[in-house]
Protein backbone atom coordinates (compact mmCIF):
# COMPACT_ATOMS: atom_id res chain seq x y z
CA UNK A 1 0.00 0.00 0.00
CA UNK A 2 1.42 3.38 -1.00
CA UNK A 3 0.14 6.65 0.45
CA UNK A 4 -0.34 9.53 -1.99
CA UNK A 5 -1.23 13.16 -1.44
CA UNK A 6 -3.04 15.28 -4.04
CA UNK A 7 -3.75 19.00 -4.12
CA UNK A 8 -7.15 19.71 -5.68
CA UNK A 9 -8.76 23.14 -5.64
CA UNK A 10 -6.60 24.25 -2.73
CA UNK A 11 -7.57 21.20 -0.67
CA UNK A 12 -5.15 18.40 0.14
CA UNK A 13 -6.46 14.86 -0.27
CA UNK A 14 -4.71 11.77 1.07
CA UNK A 15 -5.29 8.36 -0.46
CA UNK A 16 -3.80 4.89 -0.35
CA UNK A 17 -3.04 3.10 -3.61
CA UNK A 18 -2.13 -0.53 -4.15
CA UNK A 19 -1.29 -2.70 -7.16
CA UNK A 20 -3.32 -5.91 -6.89
CA UNK A 21 -1.99 -9.30 -8.07
CA UNK A 22 -5.18 -10.56 -9.74
CA UNK A 23 -5.62 -13.15 -12.47
CA UNK A 24 -7.18 -11.54 -15.53
CA UNK A 25 -7.61 -13.60 -18.71
CA UNK A 26 -5.48 -11.24 -20.81
CA UNK A 27 -2.01 -10.93 -22.29
CA UNK A 28 -1.20 -8.00 -19.98
CA UNK A 29 -3.13 -6.41 -17.16
CA UNK A 30 -2.80 -3.93 -14.32
CA UNK A 31 -5.20 -3.89 -11.39
CA UNK A 32 -5.11 -1.13 -8.78
CA UNK A 33 -7.17 -0.15 -5.77
CA UNK A 34 -7.43 3.31 -4.22
CA UNK A 35 -8.95 4.19 -0.84
CA UNK A 36 -9.61 7.76 0.19
CA UNK A 37 -10.93 9.19 3.46
CA UNK A 38 -14.01 11.19 2.49
CA UNK A 39 -14.51 12.57 5.99
CA UNK A 40 -17.28 11.79 8.41
CA UNK A 41 -15.97 8.26 8.83
CA UNK A 42 -16.63 7.33 5.20
CA UNK A 43 -13.98 5.77 2.99
CA UNK A 44 -14.30 5.84 -0.80
CA UNK A 45 -12.81 2.82 -2.53
CA UNK A 46 -12.19 2.31 -6.24
CA UNK A 47 -10.71 -0.51 -8.28
CA UNK A 48 -9.44 -0.19 -11.84
CA UNK A 49 -8.55 -3.07 -14.17
CA UNK A 50 -6.72 -2.24 -17.40
CA UNK A 51 -6.21 -5.25 -19.65
CA UNK A 52 -4.85 -5.94 -23.13
CA UNK A 53 -5.61 -9.14 -25.04
CA UNK A 54 -4.33 -9.22 -28.61
CA UNK A 55 -5.48 -5.93 -30.15
CA UNK A 56 -8.35 -5.45 -27.69
CA UNK A 57 -8.14 -3.17 -24.64
CA UNK A 58 -10.61 -3.21 -21.76
CA UNK A 59 -10.80 -0.77 -18.84
CA UNK A 60 -13.15 -1.48 -15.94
CA UNK A 61 -13.47 0.95 -13.02
CA UNK A 62 -15.72 0.39 -10.01
CA UNK A 63 -16.12 2.68 -7.04
CA UNK A 64 -18.07 2.56 -3.81
CA UNK A 65 -18.27 3.84 -0.30
CA UNK A 66 -19.40 0.55 1.21
CA UNK A 67 -17.59 -2.41 -0.35
CA UNK A 68 -14.03 -3.44 0.37
CA UNK A 69 -11.37 -3.47 -2.35
CA UNK A 70 -11.32 -7.29 -2.41
CA UNK A 71 -15.05 -7.45 -3.26
CA UNK A 72 -14.73 -4.79 -5.94
CA UNK A 73 -11.64 -6.47 -7.38
CA UNK A 74 -13.42 -9.78 -7.90
CA UNK A 75 -16.29 -7.99 -9.67
CA UNK A 76 -13.92 -5.94 -11.83
CA UNK A 77 -11.97 -9.02 -12.95
CA UNK A 78 -15.21 -10.84 -13.78
CA UNK A 79 -16.47 -7.86 -15.82
CA UNK A 80 -13.14 -7.60 -17.65
CA UNK A 81 -13.23 -11.28 -18.61
CA UNK A 82 -16.87 -10.91 -19.74
CA UNK A 83 -15.97 -7.87 -21.84
CA UNK A 84 -13.24 -9.80 -23.68
CA UNK A 85 -15.64 -12.70 -24.26
CA UNK A 86 -18.22 -10.28 -25.67
CA UNK A 87 -15.68 -8.63 -27.96
CA UNK A 88 -14.50 -12.01 -29.27
CA UNK A 89 -18.09 -13.18 -29.84
CA UNK A 90 -18.87 -10.03 -31.83
CA UNK A 91 -16.15 -10.74 -34.40
C-alpha cells in the first residue's frame, strides 16, 4: 500500500493506492485499488482493471463507499473477462 497526497482546488487529499496481483484472462493487465478518506468516517474505494488481449483493450473501473477493495476487485476481474468474451463473440 502506497500513500499519496493530491492537491485539488486548494484542498489536500490523502489516499492509499495498491497494485493488486489478480488473475485476468489477458495478455497483460494492471489492477489497482485506491482508498480515500471522504470525511465523516466514510472511505471511498475504487478498483481499476486495465487489460490488453491481442489488439483489444478493456478498462473497468468500479467505485463505492461501502464495499471493500477485495469485493470490488473480484467484480472488476469478472467484468473484464466478460468484456473480452463479448468482444470475441462479436467478431
